[in-house]
Protein backbone atom coordinates (compact mmCIF):
# COMPACT_ATOMS: atom_id res chain seq x y z
CA MET A 1 90.40 130.74 93.21
CA GLU A 2 87.47 127.75 92.34
CA GLY A 3 86.27 125.77 95.58
CA ASP A 4 88.31 128.59 97.87
CA ASN A 5 86.87 130.11 101.06
CA CYS A 6 88.40 133.38 103.29
CA GLY A 7 89.03 131.40 105.97
CA ALA A 8 92.48 130.80 104.11
CA ASP A 9 92.67 134.30 103.92
CA GLY A 10 94.89 136.13 106.66
CA ILE A 11 94.08 139.57 106.11
CA VAL A 12 90.17 138.35 106.51
CA ASN A 13 91.16 136.94 109.60
CA HIS A 14 92.91 140.01 111.41
CA PRO A 15 90.58 141.00 114.10
CA SER A 16 91.09 144.69 113.04
CA VAL A 17 89.14 143.84 109.95
CA ILE A 18 86.00 144.37 108.69
CA GLY A 19 85.41 141.35 106.39
CA VAL A 20 82.41 142.53 103.43
CA SER A 21 80.87 140.33 101.01
CA ALA A 22 79.27 141.38 97.64
CA LEU A 23 76.00 140.04 96.63
CA SER A 24 74.48 139.79 93.40
CA GLU A 25 71.55 141.69 91.77
CA ASN A 26 69.14 139.07 92.90
CA GLY A 27 70.33 139.32 96.70
CA LEU A 28 72.49 136.04 96.61
CA SER A 29 76.26 135.66 96.56
CA PRO A 30 78.04 135.92 93.04
CA SER A 31 80.11 133.45 91.91
CA TYR A 32 83.50 135.00 92.92
CA GLY A 33 82.11 135.57 96.72
CA GLU A 34 83.95 133.38 99.36
CA ALA A 35 82.02 132.30 102.66
CA CYS A 36 83.70 131.91 106.27
CA ALA A 37 83.34 132.86 109.60
CA ALA A 38 84.64 135.98 109.54
CA VAL A 39 82.49 137.68 107.02
CA ALA A 40 80.79 140.48 108.80
CA VAL A 41 78.45 142.24 106.25
CA ALA A 42 77.41 142.39 102.62
CA VAL A 43 76.91 145.08 100.01
CA PRO A 44 75.16 144.65 96.21
CA VAL A 45 77.34 145.54 93.59
CA GLY A 46 76.03 142.67 90.99
CA GLY A 47 76.98 139.25 89.66
CA ALA A 48 75.76 136.61 88.52
CA GLU A 49 75.72 133.33 90.79
CA ASP A 50 76.97 131.25 88.52
CA GLU A 51 80.78 131.73 86.74
CA PHE A 52 79.45 131.08 83.32
CA THR A 53 76.54 134.03 83.19
CA PHE A 54 78.88 136.23 85.56
CA ARG A 55 82.10 136.21 82.29
CA ALA A 56 79.18 136.78 79.70
CA GLN A 57 77.97 139.92 81.93
CA LEU A 58 81.67 141.08 82.12
CA ASN A 59 82.09 140.73 78.18
CA GLY A 60 79.00 142.25 77.53
CA ARG A 61 79.85 145.49 79.61
CA ARG A 62 76.90 144.50 81.96
CA LEU A 63 76.16 147.82 84.14
CA PHE A 64 77.39 147.20 87.55
CA ALA A 65 78.58 149.94 90.20
CA PRO A 66 79.20 152.97 88.68
CA THR A 67 82.11 155.27 90.39
CA THR A 68 84.75 157.34 89.44
CA LYS A 69 88.36 155.77 87.77
CA ILE A 70 91.72 157.60 86.61
CA ASN A 71 91.91 160.57 84.32
CA ASN A 72 89.08 162.44 85.73
CA MET A 73 86.53 159.51 84.09
CA CYS A 74 83.90 157.81 85.30
CA THR A 75 82.81 153.68 85.01
CA THR A 76 79.63 151.88 85.43
CA SER A 77 81.11 148.73 85.42
CA PHE A 78 83.29 148.30 89.24
CA VAL A 79 81.90 144.81 90.37
CA GLY A 80 83.77 142.11 92.91
CA THR A 81 84.51 142.48 96.26
CA SER A 82 87.24 145.08 95.03
CA ALA A 83 83.33 147.75 94.54
CA SER A 84 82.04 145.66 97.92
CA ASN A 85 84.65 147.33 100.16
CA PRO A 86 84.73 150.70 99.36
CA MET A 87 80.71 150.97 99.49
CA ALA A 88 80.79 150.06 103.09
CA ALA A 89 83.61 152.03 103.92
CA GLY A 90 81.56 155.13 102.63
CA ILE A 91 78.67 154.01 104.71
CA VAL A 92 81.21 153.70 107.53
CA ALA A 93 82.66 156.95 106.68
CA LEU A 94 78.59 158.68 106.91
CA ALA A 95 78.43 157.00 110.54
CA MET A 96 81.79 158.68 111.98
CA GLU A 97 80.32 161.93 110.19
CA ALA A 98 77.16 161.50 112.72
CA ASN A 99 79.23 160.31 115.45
CA PRO A 100 82.93 161.34 115.18
CA ASN A 101 83.67 159.45 118.89
CA LEU A 102 83.30 155.68 116.99
CA GLN A 103 86.07 153.87 117.67
CA PRO A 104 86.51 150.38 115.79
CA ARG A 105 85.12 148.45 118.09
CA ASP A 106 82.00 150.47 117.89
CA VAL A 107 81.83 150.19 114.58
CA SER A 108 82.04 146.48 114.24
CA ALA A 109 79.18 146.54 116.89
CA ILE A 110 77.05 148.86 114.62
CA ILE A 111 77.31 146.58 111.61
CA ALA A 112 76.64 143.53 113.22
CA LEU A 113 73.52 144.90 114.39
CA SER A 114 72.68 146.80 111.00
CA GLY A 115 72.34 143.81 108.24
CA ARG A 116 69.14 142.41 107.04
CA ILE A 117 68.26 138.86 105.30
CA PRO A 118 69.00 139.92 101.41
CA THR A 119 66.59 138.06 99.89
CA ALA A 120 63.81 135.76 100.70
CA SER A 121 65.39 132.64 98.76
CA ALA A 122 68.65 132.95 100.96
CA THR A 123 70.16 130.16 102.32
CA GLY A 124 72.27 129.21 105.86
CA ILE A 125 71.20 132.21 107.84
CA TYR A 126 71.06 131.78 111.66
CA ILE A 127 70.03 133.54 114.78
CA ASN A 128 72.89 133.08 117.31
CA GLY A 129 72.62 132.67 120.90
CA GLY A 130 72.90 136.28 121.38
CA GLY A 131 70.05 137.23 119.00
CA TYR A 132 72.10 138.63 116.07
CA LEU A 133 71.49 137.26 112.48
CA VAL A 134 74.87 135.63 111.15
CA SER A 135 75.91 133.87 107.93
CA HIS A 136 79.20 132.50 106.66
CA ILE A 137 77.85 133.94 103.39
CA TYR A 138 76.40 137.36 104.51
CA GLY A 139 77.57 137.76 107.75
CA SER A 140 75.19 140.23 109.14
CA GLY A 141 73.62 140.43 106.39
CA LEU A 142 72.48 143.35 103.62
CA LEU A 143 73.71 146.40 104.89
CA ASN A 144 71.52 148.57 105.68
CA THR A 145 72.84 152.48 105.57
CA VAL A 146 69.51 154.31 107.58
CA ARG A 147 70.11 151.76 110.38
CA VAL A 148 73.90 152.11 110.76
CA ILE A 149 73.30 156.23 110.67
CA ASN A 150 70.47 156.11 112.98
CA LEU A 151 72.42 153.77 115.80
CA ALA A 152 75.71 155.59 114.89
CA LYS A 153 73.68 158.92 116.45
CA THR A 154 72.76 157.90 119.66
CA TRP A 155 75.51 155.12 120.37
CA ILE A 156 76.87 154.46 123.63
CA PRO A 157 80.58 153.06 123.72
CA LEU A 158 80.97 149.90 124.41
CA GLY A 159 83.02 148.89 127.84
CA PRO A 160 86.67 147.83 127.85
CA ARG A 161 87.50 144.62 126.09
CA ARG A 162 88.54 141.84 128.00
CA MET A 163 90.07 138.67 126.58
CA CYS A 164 90.04 134.85 128.00
CA ILE A 165 92.67 132.74 126.65
CA LYS A 166 92.82 128.78 126.79
CA TYR A 167 95.19 126.36 124.93
CA LYS A 168 96.44 122.90 124.67
CA GLY A 169 100.08 121.79 123.24
CA GLY A 170 103.10 124.06 122.04
CA TRP A 171 103.53 126.25 119.07
CA THR A 172 106.76 125.37 117.85
CA GLY A 173 109.07 126.89 114.99
CA SER A 174 110.48 123.44 113.86
CA ARG A 175 109.86 122.14 110.43
CA ASN A 176 110.49 118.77 111.12
CA SER A 177 108.24 116.83 108.91
CA LEU A 178 108.51 114.27 112.04
CA LEU A 179 106.58 116.39 114.19
CA TRP A 180 103.67 114.60 114.02
CA ARG A 181 104.43 112.10 115.94
CA ARG A 182 104.98 114.07 119.18
CA SER A 183 101.36 115.62 118.27
CA LEU A 184 98.40 116.49 120.74
CA LEU A 185 96.14 114.62 118.51
CA LYS A 186 96.55 112.47 114.95
CA LEU A 187 94.54 112.92 111.97
CA TYR A 188 92.78 110.35 110.15
CA PRO A 189 90.98 110.40 106.65
CA HIS A 190 87.32 110.85 107.29
CA LYS A 191 87.31 111.40 111.29
CA THR A 192 87.50 114.10 113.43
CA ALA A 193 89.22 115.48 115.93
CA ARG A 194 87.87 117.34 118.84
CA PHE A 195 88.91 119.88 121.41
CA THR A 196 86.52 121.07 123.84
CA PHE A 197 87.65 124.16 126.02
CA SER A 198 85.22 125.66 128.85
CA PHE A 199 85.10 128.96 130.56
CA THR A 200 83.22 129.56 133.94
CA PRO A 201 82.91 132.98 136.07
CA ASP A 202 85.67 131.68 137.80
CA ASN A 203 88.09 131.78 134.98
CA CYS A 204 86.78 134.10 132.57
CA ASP A 205 85.54 137.91 132.70
CA VAL A 206 84.37 137.95 129.51
CA GLU A 207 80.83 137.61 129.75
CA VAL A 208 79.58 138.94 126.14
CA ILE A 209 81.08 137.67 123.01
CA GLU A 210 82.50 140.59 120.18
CA VAL A 211 85.04 138.39 118.31
CA VAL A 212 86.39 134.60 118.83
CA ARG A 213 89.87 133.38 117.57
CA VAL A 214 91.05 130.29 117.10
CA GLY A 215 94.60 129.39 116.31
CA MET A 216 96.08 126.10 115.32
CA GLN A 217 99.28 124.66 114.33
CA TRP A 218 99.31 121.18 112.27
CA LEU A 219 100.91 118.44 109.83
CA SER A 220 99.23 117.49 106.98
CA GLU A 221 99.17 115.42 103.88
CA HIS A 222 96.84 117.13 102.09
CA ARG A 223 95.73 120.82 103.60
CA GLY A 224 93.25 121.21 101.40
CA SER A 225 91.21 118.26 102.71
CA LEU A 226 90.55 120.10 106.20
CA GLU A 227 87.56 121.20 107.43
CA VAL A 228 87.93 123.11 110.81
CA LYS A 229 84.83 124.14 112.78
CA LEU A 230 83.89 125.46 116.15
CA THR A 231 80.29 125.32 117.81
CA SER A 232 79.42 127.57 120.90
CA PRO A 233 77.46 126.56 124.06
CA SER A 234 74.59 128.10 122.00
CA GLY A 235 75.13 125.63 119.59
CA GLN A 236 76.01 128.17 116.97
CA LYS A 237 78.39 126.65 114.55
CA ALA A 238 81.26 128.47 112.88
CA TYR A 239 83.24 127.00 110.02
CA LEU A 240 86.53 128.46 110.24
CA LEU A 241 87.97 126.35 107.28
CA TYR A 242 85.79 124.57 104.58
CA PRO A 243 88.07 122.22 102.01
CA ARG A 244 89.81 123.55 99.34
CA ILE A 245 90.05 121.38 96.23
CA LYS A 246 92.89 123.18 94.79
CA ASP A 247 95.09 123.64 97.90
CA HIS A 248 97.19 120.34 97.66
CA PHE A 249 99.72 121.68 99.88
CA LYS A 250 101.90 119.17 102.13
CA GLY A 251 103.23 119.78 105.43
CA LYS A 252 103.23 122.04 108.54
CA SER A 253 100.75 125.03 108.42
CA GLU A 254 99.40 127.68 111.25
CA MET A 255 96.53 129.88 110.72
CA ILE A 256 94.50 131.87 113.60
CA TRP A 257 90.81 132.31 112.28
CA LYS A 258 88.53 134.63 113.40
CA SER A 259 84.34 134.43 114.16
CA VAL A 260 82.05 137.01 113.92
CA MET A 261 79.49 134.19 114.19
CA HIS A 262 79.04 134.19 117.96
CA THR A 263 78.92 138.32 118.62
CA GLY A 264 76.48 139.02 121.26
CA GLU A 265 76.73 135.51 122.67
CA SER A 266 77.46 134.49 126.53
CA SER A 267 81.17 133.03 126.85
CA TYR A 268 80.17 130.88 129.59
CA GLY A 269 80.04 126.92 128.46
CA SER A 270 81.73 124.64 126.18
CA TRP A 271 83.45 125.59 123.00
CA THR A 272 84.53 122.90 121.09
CA ILE A 273 86.95 122.65 117.88
CA SER A 274 86.47 119.74 115.76
CA VAL A 275 89.24 119.34 112.81
CA ARG A 276 88.31 116.83 110.21
CA ASP A 277 90.18 115.69 107.27
CA THR A 278 87.20 114.84 105.11
CA GLY A 279 89.50 112.66 102.80
CA ARG A 280 89.02 114.31 99.91
CA ARG A 281 92.32 115.20 97.40
CA GLY A 282 91.65 117.57 94.47
CA ASN A 283 89.00 116.22 92.95
CA ARG A 284 89.04 112.76 94.22
CA THR A 285 88.38 110.77 97.63
CA ARG A 286 90.73 108.82 99.73
CA ARG A 287 88.24 105.76 100.12
CA SER A 288 89.59 103.99 103.51
CA SER A 289 89.77 105.30 106.64
CA SER A 290 93.03 103.66 107.24
CA LEU A 291 94.76 103.15 110.50
CA ARG A 292 97.95 105.38 108.95
CA ALA A 293 97.70 108.97 110.20
CA SER A 294 97.77 111.90 107.67
CA GLY A 295 98.84 114.62 109.99
CA GLY A 296 98.46 115.70 113.35
CA ILE A 297 97.63 118.88 115.90
CA PHE A 298 100.48 120.15 117.58
CA PHE A 299 98.91 123.19 119.24
CA ILE A 300 95.37 124.61 119.51
CA GLY A 301 93.65 127.18 121.24
CA ILE A 302 90.94 129.76 121.42
CA GLU A 303 90.68 133.60 122.32
CA LEU A 304 87.44 135.05 123.49
CA HIS A 305 87.21 138.80 123.14
CA GLY A 306 84.53 140.82 124.51
CA THR A 307 82.44 142.92 127.30
CA LEU A 308 81.16 142.58 130.75
CA ARG A 309 77.12 142.14 129.87
CA ASN A 310 76.14 145.86 131.23
CA GLU A 311 79.09 147.17 128.61
CA SER A 312 78.00 145.34 125.90
CA ALA A 313 76.59 147.16 122.82
CA PHE A 314 72.93 144.96 123.37
CA GLN A 315 73.03 146.57 126.59
CA GLN A 316 74.25 150.10 126.11
CA ASN A 317 72.11 150.44 123.32
CA ASN A 318 69.01 148.16 124.23
CA ALA A 319 65.92 151.08 123.25
CA ASN A 320 67.30 150.87 119.40
CA ILE A 321 67.88 147.53 119.16
CA ILE A 322 65.06 145.82 120.07
CA LYS A 323 62.58 147.73 117.99
CA HIS A 324 64.01 146.02 115.38
CA TRP A 325 63.99 143.08 116.27
CA HIS A 326 61.81 139.57 115.60
CA PRO A 327 60.37 138.04 118.70
CA ASP A 328 62.68 135.18 117.64
CA ARG A 329 65.60 137.00 118.09
CA LEU A 330 64.66 137.76 121.41
CA ALA A 331 64.05 134.33 122.35
CA ALA A 332 67.47 133.01 120.97
CA TYR A 333 68.99 135.95 123.13
CA LYS A 334 67.10 135.27 126.35
CA ALA A 335 68.03 131.52 126.16
CA ASN A 336 71.35 131.89 124.62
CA VAL A 337 70.31 129.16 122.37
CA ALA A 338 71.30 129.22 118.70
CA VAL A 339 68.45 128.86 115.94
CA THR A 340 69.16 127.45 112.42
CA LEU A 341 66.39 129.61 110.04
CA ASN A 342 64.53 127.32 107.80
CA THR A 343 62.93 128.76 104.56
CA ALA A 344 59.64 129.86 105.65
CA MET A 345 61.65 131.53 108.52
CA ILE A 346 63.85 132.86 106.29
CA ALA A 347 61.11 134.49 104.19
CA GLU A 348 59.30 135.70 107.21
CA LEU A 349 62.14 137.47 108.42
CA TYR A 350 63.05 139.19 104.82
CA ASP A 351 59.51 140.47 104.55
CA ARG A 352 59.25 141.97 107.97
CA ASP A 353 62.47 143.53 108.02
CA ARG A 354 62.49 144.80 104.18
CA TRP A 355 59.53 146.64 105.47
CA ASP A 356 60.71 148.03 108.52
CA ALA A 357 64.05 149.40 106.65
CA LEU A 358 61.58 150.83 103.60
CA PHE A 359 59.88 153.08 106.40
CA GLU A 360 62.93 153.57 108.63
CA LYS A 361 63.92 157.20 108.10
CA VAL A 362 67.01 158.77 109.26
CA GLU A 363 66.40 160.46 113.08
CA GLN A 364 67.22 163.94 113.49
């Protein structure tokens, strides 16, 4: 759907799902792609960045990914996220063949460490406070199959998963439209409501993040105008939900989002959830920031899932990870400070990691 994003997709946001995005032949997001904080990695399958060209490619039977199809036949025009997901699953199968003892959390951790910037012209890429490459568009980046297999072969499993929870308000089953009068915080057009949750060693034994989940229950006059953002102690932002121009639902909504933008970061400090009514009502904008509320939030909560520091993916497999890391990634990790990569930094990291990948061989 035009203007959609996977922040509104309950399957992608499920904690057991690995969200795989697609890449065009140019290493960019194709016209059918969706961005959100739950995207884990990207796989190249083709498809132009603009819809007009992509339609022309489809009509012209442009060659995309070759694969099998029904009736013992083959196709050379498999495209879309329907193609990227099975390709990623095949790579995971190779990792499982290399190390049958891998658990689902180990696979997710390996994927988070096996991406690289897909093209020098990519945008929206960050180094988070754990030193990981993250992006709402590409996840950890273009999946490097050789890296996945090499990490899998010598992988030391993650320690037991731990969880910390904080919330405000109460989850309700009622759909009474007057509930907003009893909301935690009312929403107004063009204004932002903020909620802050602080975690310390005294109230949380998660030291290193694997995944963050945010739950919210709210009422709004136009759901598609909302933007929900999570900011970690490192400063790394995760856009859990973008405005959706074709979502005109009015009433009560509830959602549990997942963010892998914070994988590897320290959990300690203040986490801020920002909820903004952008004022957009479809293709138009509500001009005034009137005193009349446009909705309200009843419940908002955050779950931090992760491990102790000495049981984290980075600490357990340090030697095989840092040999591929740029100094900027190590600096971000040591300081727990996120970095937004500019055009020059993206081009430099892309070039370095591309050559690193070209010379990397499957270890015996």
